[in-house]
Amino acid sequence: MEFPLSRAPELFFDEQLWQIFISYFETPEIALERIGFPPNLTGYHHEYYETRSDLSAEIWQEIEEASAVGRALLLSLQSKFLSEELTATGVPRGFSRPSRKPVPTSEWRRLWPNFVGNWAMSTTGSYDDIQLSWHPKDRKVELRERCELLLLKRKEEGESRRKVLFQEAAEHLGEPLPIRIFDAAYKAVFGKRRGRPRLSK
């Protein structure tokens, strides 16, 4: 089943990050419009960017924060295209007789999605009327990947205790976490053998 690119934010953006991004704007509609602005265009990720020469340090900080959250949202969506969890078709611009074609996976390294207009652009080509198809991953694989991301973050923060991390992972994922999936993720991140250490003879 295909659906337009314009629905990607509601379906695939991290809800918490998206709400944080929206909080920097007067309305959700403005936020949706601004996240479609490439960083080299005036207005990127902040409604006051066009008056940047008169902005205070506080507003500049808000712009930087909004930009960071916007990048995180778009990188997460990009990863779904690059892993082919999401595939797309679109109408290439610049052809006398345009017809719908698959958007190559590699193109999503450069394409910038405009959700309001339902198109994506890059310096090498653009596509209109983009339609997406979703190919969900195996649920266990997805849980493990999400668990690994959390464990990597906590490892950087200096936490390695299995019991603590297991509880945090279960709370973070918001659903029951099978011990086998946690153990596999823990081993991948920390390189430690699962279970109790063997007794030496």
N, C-alpha and C. Protein backbone atom coordinates (compact mmCIF):
# COMPACT_ATOMS: atom_id res chain seq x y z
N MET A 1 0.85 -1.20 0.00
CA MET A 1 0.00 0.00 0.00
C MET A 1 0.88 1.24 0.00
N GLU A 2 0.63 2.15 -0.94
CA GLU A 2 1.41 3.37 -1.03
C GLU A 2 0.72 4.52 -0.29
N PHE A 3 1.54 5.46 0.15
CA PHE A 3 1.02 6.66 0.81
C PHE A 3 1.98 7.80 0.51
N PRO A 4 1.51 9.05 0.57
CA PRO A 4 2.35 10.18 0.18
C PRO A 4 3.44 10.49 1.20
N LEU A 5 4.53 11.08 0.71
CA LEU A 5 5.62 11.52 1.57
C LEU A 5 5.14 12.44 2.69
N SER A 6 4.09 13.19 2.42
CA SER A 6 3.57 14.15 3.40
C SER A 6 3.12 13.48 4.70
N ARG A 7 2.86 12.16 4.66
CA ARG A 7 2.42 11.45 5.87
C ARG A 7 3.60 10.89 6.68
N ALA A 8 4.81 10.99 6.14
CA ALA A 8 5.97 10.41 6.83
C ALA A 8 6.18 10.95 8.24
N PRO A 9 6.04 12.27 8.48
CA PRO A 9 6.24 12.75 9.85
C PRO A 9 5.32 12.11 10.87
N GLU A 10 4.04 12.01 10.56
CA GLU A 10 3.09 11.43 11.53
C GLU A 10 3.32 9.94 11.73
N LEU A 11 3.83 9.27 10.70
CA LEU A 11 4.00 7.82 10.79
C LEU A 11 5.37 7.39 11.31
N PHE A 12 6.42 8.18 11.01
CA PHE A 12 7.77 7.69 11.27
C PHE A 12 8.65 8.60 12.12
N PHE A 13 8.26 9.84 12.37
CA PHE A 13 9.05 10.67 13.26
C PHE A 13 8.91 10.17 14.69
N ASP A 14 10.01 10.24 15.44
CA ASP A 14 9.94 9.98 16.87
C ASP A 14 9.01 11.02 17.49
N GLU A 15 7.95 10.55 18.16
CA GLU A 15 6.91 11.45 18.64
C GLU A 15 7.45 12.48 19.64
N GLN A 16 8.32 12.05 20.55
CA GLN A 16 8.85 12.97 21.55
C GLN A 16 9.72 14.05 20.89
N LEU A 17 10.61 13.64 19.98
CA LEU A 17 11.45 14.62 19.29
C LEU A 17 10.62 15.57 18.44
N TRP A 18 9.60 15.05 17.79
CA TRP A 18 8.76 15.88 16.94
C TRP A 18 8.03 16.94 17.77
N GLN A 19 7.54 16.55 18.94
CA GLN A 19 6.86 17.52 19.81
C GLN A 19 7.83 18.59 20.31
N ILE A 20 9.08 18.19 20.57
CA ILE A 20 10.10 19.17 20.97
C ILE A 20 10.33 20.15 19.81
N PHE A 21 10.45 19.63 18.60
CA PHE A 21 10.68 20.49 17.44
C PHE A 21 9.52 21.46 17.25
N ILE A 22 8.29 20.96 17.36
CA ILE A 22 7.11 21.80 17.21
C ILE A 22 7.10 22.93 18.23
N SER A 23 7.62 22.67 19.44
CA SER A 23 7.59 23.67 20.51
C SER A 23 8.37 24.94 20.17
N TYR A 24 9.25 24.89 19.18
CA TYR A 24 10.01 26.07 18.78
C TYR A 24 9.22 26.98 17.83
N PHE A 25 8.02 26.58 17.44
CA PHE A 25 7.24 27.33 16.46
C PHE A 25 5.85 27.65 17.00
N GLU A 26 5.20 28.58 16.34
CA GLU A 26 3.88 29.00 16.81
C GLU A 26 2.81 27.94 16.58
N THR A 27 2.94 27.18 15.49
CA THR A 27 1.95 26.13 15.20
C THR A 27 2.65 24.90 14.62
N PRO A 28 2.02 23.72 14.72
CA PRO A 28 2.59 22.52 14.09
C PRO A 28 2.74 22.67 12.58
N GLU A 29 1.84 23.45 11.96
CA GLU A 29 1.91 23.64 10.51
C GLU A 29 3.18 24.38 10.11
N ILE A 30 3.56 25.39 10.91
CA ILE A 30 4.79 26.12 10.63
C ILE A 30 6.00 25.20 10.80
N ALA A 31 5.97 24.38 11.85
CA ALA A 31 7.08 23.44 12.09
C ALA A 31 7.24 22.48 10.91
N LEU A 32 6.11 21.98 10.39
CA LEU A 32 6.16 21.05 9.27
C LEU A 32 6.71 21.73 8.02
N GLU A 33 6.35 23.00 7.85
CA GLU A 33 6.87 23.74 6.70
C GLU A 33 8.37 23.98 6.84
N ARG A 34 8.82 24.36 8.04
CA ARG A 34 10.21 24.73 8.24
C ARG A 34 11.17 23.54 8.16
N ILE A 35 10.72 22.37 8.58
CA ILE A 35 11.64 21.23 8.53
C ILE A 35 11.90 20.81 7.08
N GLY A 36 11.09 21.31 6.15
CA GLY A 36 11.32 21.05 4.74
C GLY A 36 12.25 22.03 4.07
N PHE A 37 12.80 23.00 4.84
CA PHE A 37 13.74 23.97 4.29
C PHE A 37 15.16 23.44 4.42
N PRO A 38 15.88 23.24 3.32
CA PRO A 38 17.30 22.86 3.42
C PRO A 38 18.08 23.93 4.20
N PRO A 39 19.19 23.56 4.87
CA PRO A 39 19.89 24.49 5.76
C PRO A 39 20.49 25.70 5.06
N ASN A 40 20.67 25.66 3.74
CA ASN A 40 21.25 26.81 3.05
C ASN A 40 20.19 27.80 2.59
N LEU A 41 18.92 27.54 2.88
CA LEU A 41 17.86 28.45 2.50
C LEU A 41 17.39 29.26 3.70
N THR A 42 17.05 30.50 3.48
CA THR A 42 16.57 31.36 4.56
C THR A 42 15.33 30.75 5.20
N GLY A 43 15.31 30.74 6.51
CA GLY A 43 14.15 30.23 7.23
C GLY A 43 14.33 28.84 7.79
N TYR A 44 15.51 28.25 7.54
CA TYR A 44 15.72 26.87 7.98
C TYR A 44 15.50 26.69 9.48
N HIS A 45 14.53 25.90 9.82
CA HIS A 45 14.30 25.44 11.19
C HIS A 45 13.99 26.55 12.20
N HIS A 46 13.70 27.75 11.75
CA HIS A 46 13.27 28.75 12.73
C HIS A 46 12.54 29.88 12.04
N GLU A 47 11.41 30.30 12.60
CA GLU A 47 10.60 31.30 11.93
C GLU A 47 11.21 32.69 11.96
N TYR A 48 12.20 32.94 12.83
CA TYR A 48 12.82 34.26 12.91
C TYR A 48 14.17 34.32 12.21
N TYR A 49 14.52 33.27 11.50
CA TYR A 49 15.86 33.22 10.92
C TYR A 49 16.11 34.33 9.91
N GLU A 50 15.05 34.78 9.24
CA GLU A 50 15.23 35.80 8.21
C GLU A 50 15.71 37.13 8.79
N THR A 51 15.51 37.37 10.08
CA THR A 51 15.97 38.60 10.72
C THR A 51 17.20 38.33 11.57
N ARG A 52 18.05 37.39 11.11
CA ARG A 52 19.14 36.90 11.93
C ARG A 52 20.13 37.99 12.38
N SER A 53 20.27 39.07 11.62
CA SER A 53 21.23 40.10 12.00
C SER A 53 20.81 40.84 13.26
N ASP A 54 19.52 40.78 13.61
CA ASP A 54 19.02 41.50 14.78
C ASP A 54 18.67 40.58 15.95
N LEU A 55 19.03 39.31 15.85
CA LEU A 55 18.60 38.36 16.86
C LEU A 55 19.48 38.40 18.10
N SER A 56 18.84 38.10 19.24
CA SER A 56 19.58 38.03 20.50
C SER A 56 20.28 36.69 20.63
N ALA A 57 21.16 36.58 21.61
CA ALA A 57 21.88 35.32 21.84
C ALA A 57 20.90 34.20 22.20
N GLU A 58 19.82 34.54 22.90
CA GLU A 58 18.84 33.53 23.29
C GLU A 58 18.13 32.95 22.07
N ILE A 59 17.77 33.82 21.12
CA ILE A 59 17.11 33.35 19.91
C ILE A 59 18.06 32.51 19.07
N TRP A 60 19.34 32.93 19.01
CA TRP A 60 20.33 32.14 18.27
C TRP A 60 20.45 30.74 18.88
N GLN A 61 20.39 30.67 20.20
CA GLN A 61 20.49 29.36 20.86
C GLN A 61 19.27 28.51 20.49
N GLU A 62 18.09 29.12 20.45
CA GLU A 62 16.89 28.39 20.05
C GLU A 62 17.01 27.86 18.62
N ILE A 63 17.58 28.70 17.74
CA ILE A 63 17.77 28.28 16.35
C ILE A 63 18.67 27.06 16.28
N GLU A 64 19.77 27.09 17.04
CA GLU A 64 20.71 25.97 17.05
C GLU A 64 20.04 24.71 17.60
N GLU A 65 19.25 24.87 18.66
CA GLU A 65 18.57 23.73 19.26
C GLU A 65 17.55 23.14 18.29
N ALA A 66 16.76 24.01 17.66
CA ALA A 66 15.76 23.54 16.70
C ALA A 66 16.43 22.83 15.53
N SER A 67 17.55 23.37 15.07
CA SER A 67 18.27 22.75 13.96
C SER A 67 18.77 21.36 14.33
N ALA A 68 19.28 21.21 15.56
CA ALA A 68 19.79 19.91 16.00
C ALA A 68 18.67 18.88 16.07
N VAL A 69 17.51 19.29 16.60
CA VAL A 69 16.38 18.36 16.69
C VAL A 69 15.88 18.02 15.29
N GLY A 70 15.81 19.01 14.42
CA GLY A 70 15.38 18.76 13.04
C GLY A 70 16.28 17.79 12.32
N ARG A 71 17.59 17.96 12.51
CA ARG A 71 18.54 17.04 11.87
C ARG A 71 18.36 15.62 12.38
N ALA A 72 18.15 15.48 13.69
CA ALA A 72 17.95 14.14 14.26
C ALA A 72 16.72 13.46 13.67
N LEU A 73 15.64 14.22 13.52
CA LEU A 73 14.42 13.66 12.94
C LEU A 73 14.64 13.21 11.49
N LEU A 74 15.31 14.06 10.71
CA LEU A 74 15.52 13.75 9.30
C LEU A 74 16.53 12.63 9.09
N LEU A 75 17.55 12.57 9.95
CA LEU A 75 18.53 11.47 9.83
C LEU A 75 17.88 10.13 10.15
N SER A 76 17.00 10.12 11.13
CA SER A 76 16.30 8.89 11.47
C SER A 76 15.43 8.43 10.30
N LEU A 77 14.74 9.38 9.66
CA LEU A 77 13.92 9.03 8.50
C LEU A 77 14.80 8.58 7.35
N GLN A 78 15.92 9.27 7.14
CA GLN A 78 16.85 8.90 6.07
C GLN A 78 17.34 7.46 6.24
N SER A 79 17.60 7.06 7.48
CA SER A 79 18.09 5.70 7.72
C SER A 79 17.08 4.65 7.28
N LYS A 80 15.79 4.98 7.36
CA LYS A 80 14.75 4.05 6.91
C LYS A 80 14.78 3.89 5.39
N PHE A 81 15.10 4.98 4.69
CA PHE A 81 15.23 4.87 3.24
C PHE A 81 16.49 4.09 2.86
N LEU A 82 17.60 4.37 3.53
CA LEU A 82 18.86 3.72 3.18
C LEU A 82 18.85 2.23 3.51
N SER A 83 18.07 1.83 4.52
CA SER A 83 17.94 0.41 4.85
C SER A 83 16.83 -0.27 4.05
N GLU A 84 16.13 0.54 3.23
CA GLU A 84 15.02 0.07 2.38
C GLU A 84 13.82 -0.39 3.20
N GLU A 85 13.74 0.06 4.45
CA GLU A 85 12.51 -0.12 5.20
C GLU A 85 11.41 0.72 4.54
N LEU A 86 11.82 1.87 4.00
CA LEU A 86 10.94 2.71 3.18
C LEU A 86 11.50 2.77 1.76
N THR A 87 10.63 2.58 0.78
CA THR A 87 11.02 2.79 -0.62
C THR A 87 10.07 3.84 -1.20
N ALA A 88 10.50 4.44 -2.31
CA ALA A 88 9.71 5.54 -2.86
C ALA A 88 9.69 5.52 -4.38
N THR A 89 8.62 6.09 -4.92
CA THR A 89 8.55 6.39 -6.35
C THR A 89 8.22 7.88 -6.46
N GLY A 90 8.62 8.48 -7.57
CA GLY A 90 8.34 9.89 -7.77
C GLY A 90 8.44 10.25 -9.23
N VAL A 91 8.05 11.47 -9.55
CA VAL A 91 8.11 11.97 -10.92
C VAL A 91 9.32 12.89 -11.03
N PRO A 92 10.37 12.48 -11.76
CA PRO A 92 11.57 13.30 -11.86
C PRO A 92 11.28 14.63 -12.55
N ARG A 93 11.90 15.69 -12.04
CA ARG A 93 11.75 17.00 -12.67
C ARG A 93 12.73 17.13 -13.84
N GLY A 94 12.37 18.03 -14.78
CA GLY A 94 13.29 18.36 -15.86
C GLY A 94 13.17 17.50 -17.09
N PHE A 95 12.12 16.68 -17.17
CA PHE A 95 11.94 15.84 -18.35
C PHE A 95 10.71 16.32 -19.13
N SER A 96 10.80 16.26 -20.44
CA SER A 96 9.69 16.73 -21.27
C SER A 96 8.46 15.83 -21.13
N ARG A 97 8.70 14.54 -20.93
CA ARG A 97 7.59 13.60 -20.71
C ARG A 97 7.83 12.85 -19.41
N PRO A 98 7.58 13.50 -18.29
CA PRO A 98 7.86 12.87 -17.00
C PRO A 98 6.94 11.69 -16.73
N SER A 99 7.49 10.64 -16.15
CA SER A 99 6.71 9.49 -15.73
C SER A 99 7.22 9.03 -14.37
N ARG A 100 6.36 8.35 -13.64
CA ARG A 100 6.73 7.90 -12.29
C ARG A 100 7.82 6.83 -12.36
N LYS A 101 8.85 7.02 -11.51
CA LYS A 101 9.96 6.08 -11.46
C LYS A 101 10.34 5.79 -10.01
N PRO A 102 10.96 4.64 -9.76
CA PRO A 102 11.48 4.39 -8.41
C PRO A 102 12.60 5.39 -8.08
N VAL A 103 12.60 5.87 -6.84
CA VAL A 103 13.69 6.74 -6.38
C VAL A 103 14.80 5.83 -5.88
N PRO A 104 16.00 5.86 -6.49
CA PRO A 104 17.08 4.98 -6.04
C PRO A 104 17.40 5.19 -4.57
N THR A 105 17.67 4.09 -3.89
CA THR A 105 17.99 4.16 -2.45
C THR A 105 19.12 5.14 -2.19
N SER A 106 20.16 5.10 -3.00
CA SER A 106 21.33 5.96 -2.78
C SER A 106 20.99 7.44 -2.88
N GLU A 107 19.91 7.79 -3.61
CA GLU A 107 19.53 9.19 -3.76
C GLU A 107 19.17 9.84 -2.43
N TRP A 108 18.70 9.02 -1.46
CA TRP A 108 18.27 9.59 -0.18
C TRP A 108 19.43 10.08 0.68
N ARG A 109 20.66 9.87 0.23
CA ARG A 109 21.81 10.48 0.91
C ARG A 109 21.87 11.98 0.61
N ARG A 110 21.22 12.40 -0.49
CA ARG A 110 21.28 13.80 -0.91
C ARG A 110 19.92 14.49 -0.92
N LEU A 111 18.85 13.73 -1.09
CA LEU A 111 17.53 14.33 -1.21
C LEU A 111 17.05 14.95 0.10
N TRP A 112 16.45 16.12 0.00
CA TRP A 112 15.88 16.80 1.16
C TRP A 112 14.37 16.77 1.01
N PRO A 113 13.64 16.10 1.92
CA PRO A 113 12.19 15.97 1.76
C PRO A 113 11.44 17.24 2.14
N ASN A 114 10.49 17.61 1.31
CA ASN A 114 9.57 18.70 1.62
C ASN A 114 8.20 18.06 1.82
N PHE A 115 7.79 17.94 3.07
CA PHE A 115 6.59 17.18 3.39
C PHE A 115 5.32 17.92 2.98
N VAL A 116 5.31 19.25 3.12
CA VAL A 116 4.13 20.02 2.75
C VAL A 116 3.87 19.92 1.25
N GLY A 117 4.93 20.00 0.45
CA GLY A 117 4.78 19.95 -0.99
C GLY A 117 4.80 18.55 -1.57
N ASN A 118 5.12 17.55 -0.75
CA ASN A 118 5.17 16.15 -1.17
C ASN A 118 6.21 15.91 -2.28
N TRP A 119 7.39 16.60 -2.14
CA TRP A 119 8.47 16.42 -3.09
C TRP A 119 9.79 16.40 -2.35
N ALA A 120 10.86 16.06 -3.05
CA ALA A 120 12.20 16.06 -2.46
C ALA A 120 13.18 16.60 -3.50
N MET A 121 14.21 17.31 -3.01
CA MET A 121 15.14 17.94 -3.93
C MET A 121 16.58 17.69 -3.50
N SER A 122 17.48 17.76 -4.48
CA SER A 122 18.91 17.71 -4.21
C SER A 122 19.60 18.50 -5.31
N THR A 123 20.91 18.63 -5.22
CA THR A 123 21.65 19.36 -6.26
C THR A 123 21.75 18.57 -7.55
N THR A 124 21.47 17.27 -7.48
CA THR A 124 21.60 16.43 -8.67
C THR A 124 20.26 16.02 -9.28
N GLY A 125 19.16 16.30 -8.60
CA GLY A 125 17.86 15.92 -9.13
C GLY A 125 16.77 16.09 -8.10
N SER A 126 15.53 16.18 -8.59
CA SER A 126 14.39 16.36 -7.69
C SER A 126 13.24 15.48 -8.17
N TYR A 127 12.34 15.14 -7.23
CA TYR A 127 11.20 14.29 -7.53
C TYR A 127 9.93 14.92 -6.97
N ASP A 128 8.89 14.94 -7.77
CA ASP A 128 7.58 15.42 -7.33
C ASP A 128 6.65 14.25 -7.05
N ASP A 129 5.55 14.56 -6.36
CA ASP A 129 4.49 13.58 -6.10
C ASP A 129 5.06 12.25 -5.61
N ILE A 130 5.83 12.32 -4.54
CA ILE A 130 6.49 11.12 -4.01
C ILE A 130 5.49 10.24 -3.24
N GLN A 131 5.52 8.96 -3.57
CA GLN A 131 4.70 7.96 -2.89
C GLN A 131 5.64 6.95 -2.22
N LEU A 132 5.30 6.58 -0.99
CA LEU A 132 6.15 5.69 -0.20
C LEU A 132 5.49 4.33 -0.02
N SER A 133 6.33 3.33 0.18
CA SER A 133 5.89 1.99 0.58
C SER A 133 6.71 1.59 1.80
N TRP A 134 6.05 0.98 2.77
CA TRP A 134 6.71 0.60 4.02
C TRP A 134 6.93 -0.90 4.04
N HIS A 135 8.16 -1.30 4.36
CA HIS A 135 8.52 -2.71 4.47
C HIS A 135 9.06 -2.92 5.88
N PRO A 136 8.15 -3.16 6.85
CA PRO A 136 8.58 -3.23 8.25
C PRO A 136 9.61 -4.32 8.50
N LYS A 137 10.54 -4.01 9.37
CA LYS A 137 11.55 -5.00 9.75
C LYS A 137 10.93 -6.05 10.65
N ASP A 138 11.67 -7.15 10.79
CA ASP A 138 11.31 -8.14 11.80
C ASP A 138 11.28 -7.46 13.16
N ARG A 139 10.23 -7.69 13.92
CA ARG A 139 10.04 -6.98 15.19
C ARG A 139 11.21 -7.22 16.14
N LYS A 140 11.74 -8.43 16.17
CA LYS A 140 12.85 -8.73 17.07
C LYS A 140 14.10 -7.97 16.66
N VAL A 141 14.32 -7.87 15.35
CA VAL A 141 15.48 -7.13 14.86
C VAL A 141 15.36 -5.66 15.23
N GLU A 142 14.16 -5.12 15.08
CA GLU A 142 13.95 -3.71 15.42
C GLU A 142 14.18 -3.46 16.90
N LEU A 143 13.65 -4.35 17.76
CA LEU A 143 13.84 -4.19 19.20
C LEU A 143 15.33 -4.23 19.57
N ARG A 144 16.05 -5.16 18.96
CA ARG A 144 17.48 -5.25 19.25
C ARG A 144 18.22 -3.99 18.83
N GLU A 145 17.90 -3.48 17.65
CA GLU A 145 18.57 -2.27 17.16
C GLU A 145 18.29 -1.09 18.07
N ARG A 146 17.04 -0.95 18.49
CA ARG A 146 16.70 0.16 19.39
C ARG A 146 17.39 0.00 20.74
N CYS A 147 17.47 -1.24 21.20
CA CYS A 147 18.15 -1.53 22.46
C CYS A 147 19.64 -1.20 22.36
N GLU A 148 20.26 -1.58 21.25
CA GLU A 148 21.68 -1.30 21.05
C GLU A 148 21.96 0.20 21.05
N LEU A 149 21.08 0.98 20.43
CA LEU A 149 21.27 2.42 20.40
C LEU A 149 21.26 3.00 21.81
N LEU A 150 20.33 2.52 22.64
CA LEU A 150 20.29 3.00 24.03
C LEU A 150 21.55 2.57 24.78
N LEU A 151 21.97 1.32 24.62
CA LEU A 151 23.15 0.82 25.33
C LEU A 151 24.42 1.57 24.90
N LEU A 152 24.53 1.91 23.63
CA LEU A 152 25.68 2.69 23.16
C LEU A 152 25.72 4.05 23.84
N LYS A 153 24.56 4.67 23.95
CA LYS A 153 24.47 5.98 24.60
C LYS A 153 24.87 5.87 26.07
N ARG A 154 24.36 4.85 26.75
CA ARG A 154 24.65 4.69 28.18
C ARG A 154 26.10 4.28 28.41
N LYS A 155 26.67 3.53 27.44
CA LYS A 155 28.08 3.17 27.55
C LYS A 155 28.96 4.41 27.50
N GLU A 156 28.61 5.34 26.59
CA GLU A 156 29.36 6.60 26.50
C GLU A 156 29.25 7.41 27.78
N GLU A 157 28.14 7.22 28.50
CA GLU A 157 27.93 7.95 29.75
C GLU A 157 28.54 7.23 30.95
N GLY A 158 29.14 6.05 30.69
CA GLY A 158 29.86 5.34 31.75
C GLY A 158 29.08 4.26 32.47
N GLU A 159 27.89 3.94 32.01
CA GLU A 159 27.08 2.91 32.66
C GLU A 159 27.25 1.58 31.95
N SER A 160 27.49 0.49 32.73
CA SER A 160 27.66 -0.83 32.12
C SER A 160 26.97 -1.94 32.90
N ARG A 161 26.31 -1.61 34.01
CA ARG A 161 25.68 -2.65 34.84
C ARG A 161 24.46 -3.23 34.12
N ARG A 162 24.48 -4.55 33.92
CA ARG A 162 23.44 -5.22 33.14
C ARG A 162 22.06 -5.03 33.75
N LYS A 163 21.95 -5.19 35.05
CA LYS A 163 20.65 -5.10 35.70
C LYS A 163 20.04 -3.70 35.53
N VAL A 164 20.86 -2.69 35.72
CA VAL A 164 20.40 -1.31 35.57
C VAL A 164 19.99 -1.04 34.12
N LEU A 165 20.84 -1.48 33.19
CA LEU A 165 20.57 -1.23 31.78
C LEU A 165 19.35 -1.99 31.27
N PHE A 166 19.14 -3.20 31.79
CA PHE A 166 17.97 -3.96 31.37
C PHE A 166 16.69 -3.24 31.77
N GLN A 167 16.66 -2.71 33.01
CA GLN A 167 15.48 -1.98 33.47
C GLN A 167 15.27 -0.70 32.66
N GLU A 168 16.37 0.00 32.39
CA GLU A 168 16.28 1.23 31.60
C GLU A 168 15.79 0.94 30.19
N ALA A 169 16.31 -0.14 29.59
CA ALA A 169 15.92 -0.48 28.22
C ALA A 169 14.43 -0.82 28.14
N ALA A 170 13.94 -1.58 29.11
CA ALA A 170 12.52 -1.95 29.12
C ALA A 170 11.65 -0.71 29.25
N GLU A 171 12.06 0.24 30.10
CA GLU A 171 11.30 1.48 30.27
C GLU A 171 11.38 2.33 29.00
N HIS A 172 12.56 2.40 28.40
CA HIS A 172 12.77 3.22 27.21
C HIS A 172 11.95 2.70 26.02
N LEU A 173 11.90 1.39 25.86
CA LEU A 173 11.18 0.81 24.73
C LEU A 173 9.68 0.84 24.95
N GLY A 174 9.25 0.93 26.20
CA GLY A 174 7.83 1.01 26.49
C GLY A 174 7.06 -0.26 26.26
N GLU A 175 7.76 -1.39 26.29
CA GLU A 175 7.10 -2.68 26.09
C GLU A 175 8.00 -3.77 26.68
N PRO A 176 7.44 -4.97 26.90
CA PRO A 176 8.27 -6.05 27.44
C PRO A 176 9.47 -6.33 26.56
N LEU A 177 10.63 -6.50 27.17
CA LEU A 177 11.86 -6.74 26.43
C LEU A 177 12.36 -8.15 26.72
N PRO A 178 12.31 -9.05 25.73
CA PRO A 178 12.80 -10.42 25.95
C PRO A 178 14.27 -10.41 26.35
N ILE A 179 14.63 -11.23 27.35
CA ILE A 179 16.00 -11.24 27.87
C ILE A 179 16.99 -11.65 26.78
N ARG A 180 16.59 -12.52 25.86
CA ARG A 180 17.50 -12.94 24.78
C ARG A 180 17.88 -11.76 23.89
N ILE A 181 16.90 -10.90 23.61
CA ILE A 181 17.18 -9.73 22.78
C ILE A 181 18.10 -8.77 23.51
N PHE A 182 17.83 -8.55 24.80
CA PHE A 182 18.72 -7.67 25.58
C PHE A 182 20.13 -8.24 25.64
N ASP A 183 20.24 -9.54 25.91
CA ASP A 183 21.56 -10.16 26.01
C ASP A 183 22.35 -10.02 24.72
N ALA A 184 21.68 -10.20 23.58
CA ALA A 184 22.37 -10.07 22.29
C ALA A 184 22.84 -8.64 22.07
N ALA A 185 21.98 -7.68 22.43
CA ALA A 185 22.35 -6.27 22.28
C ALA A 185 23.49 -5.90 23.22
N TYR A 186 23.41 -6.40 24.45
CA TYR A 186 24.45 -6.10 25.46
C TYR A 186 25.79 -6.66 25.01
N LYS A 187 25.78 -7.88 24.50
CA LYS A 187 27.02 -8.50 24.04
C LYS A 187 27.62 -7.73 22.86
N ALA A 188 26.75 -7.26 21.95
CA ALA A 188 27.23 -6.51 20.79
C ALA A 188 27.87 -5.19 21.19
N VAL A 189 27.32 -4.55 22.22
CA VAL A 189 27.81 -3.23 22.63
C VAL A 189 29.01 -3.33 23.57
N PHE A 190 28.93 -4.25 24.53
CA PHE A 190 29.96 -4.31 25.56
C PHE A 190 30.97 -5.44 25.33
N GLY A 191 30.64 -6.35 24.39
CA GLY A 191 31.57 -7.43 24.09
C GLY A 191 31.78 -8.39 25.23
N LYS A 192 30.77 -8.55 26.06
CA LYS A 192 30.88 -9.44 27.21
C LYS A 192 30.00 -10.66 27.01
N ARG A 193 30.44 -11.78 27.54
CA ARG A 193 29.68 -13.02 27.45
C ARG A 193 28.44 -12.92 28.32
N ARG A 194 27.34 -13.49 27.83
CA ARG A 194 26.10 -13.46 28.58
C ARG A 194 26.14 -14.44 29.75
N GLY A 195 25.31 -14.16 30.74
CA GLY A 195 25.14 -15.09 31.85
C GLY A 195 26.25 -14.99 32.89
N ARG A 196 26.24 -15.92 33.84
CA ARG A 196 27.23 -15.93 34.91
C ARG A 196 28.59 -16.40 34.41
N PRO A 197 29.65 -15.86 34.98
CA PRO A 197 30.98 -16.33 34.57
C PRO A 197 31.19 -17.77 34.99
N ARG A 198 31.94 -18.52 34.17
CA ARG A 198 32.23 -19.92 34.51
C ARG A 198 33.24 -19.98 35.66
N LEU A 199 33.09 -21.00 36.48
CA LEU A 199 34.04 -21.19 37.58
C LEU A 199 35.28 -21.90 37.04
N SER A 200 36.43 -21.40 37.42
CA SER A 200 37.66 -22.05 36.98
C SER A 200 37.89 -23.32 37.74
N LYS A 201 38.45 -24.32 37.08
CA LYS A 201 38.66 -25.62 37.73
C LYS A 201 39.97 -25.61 38.49
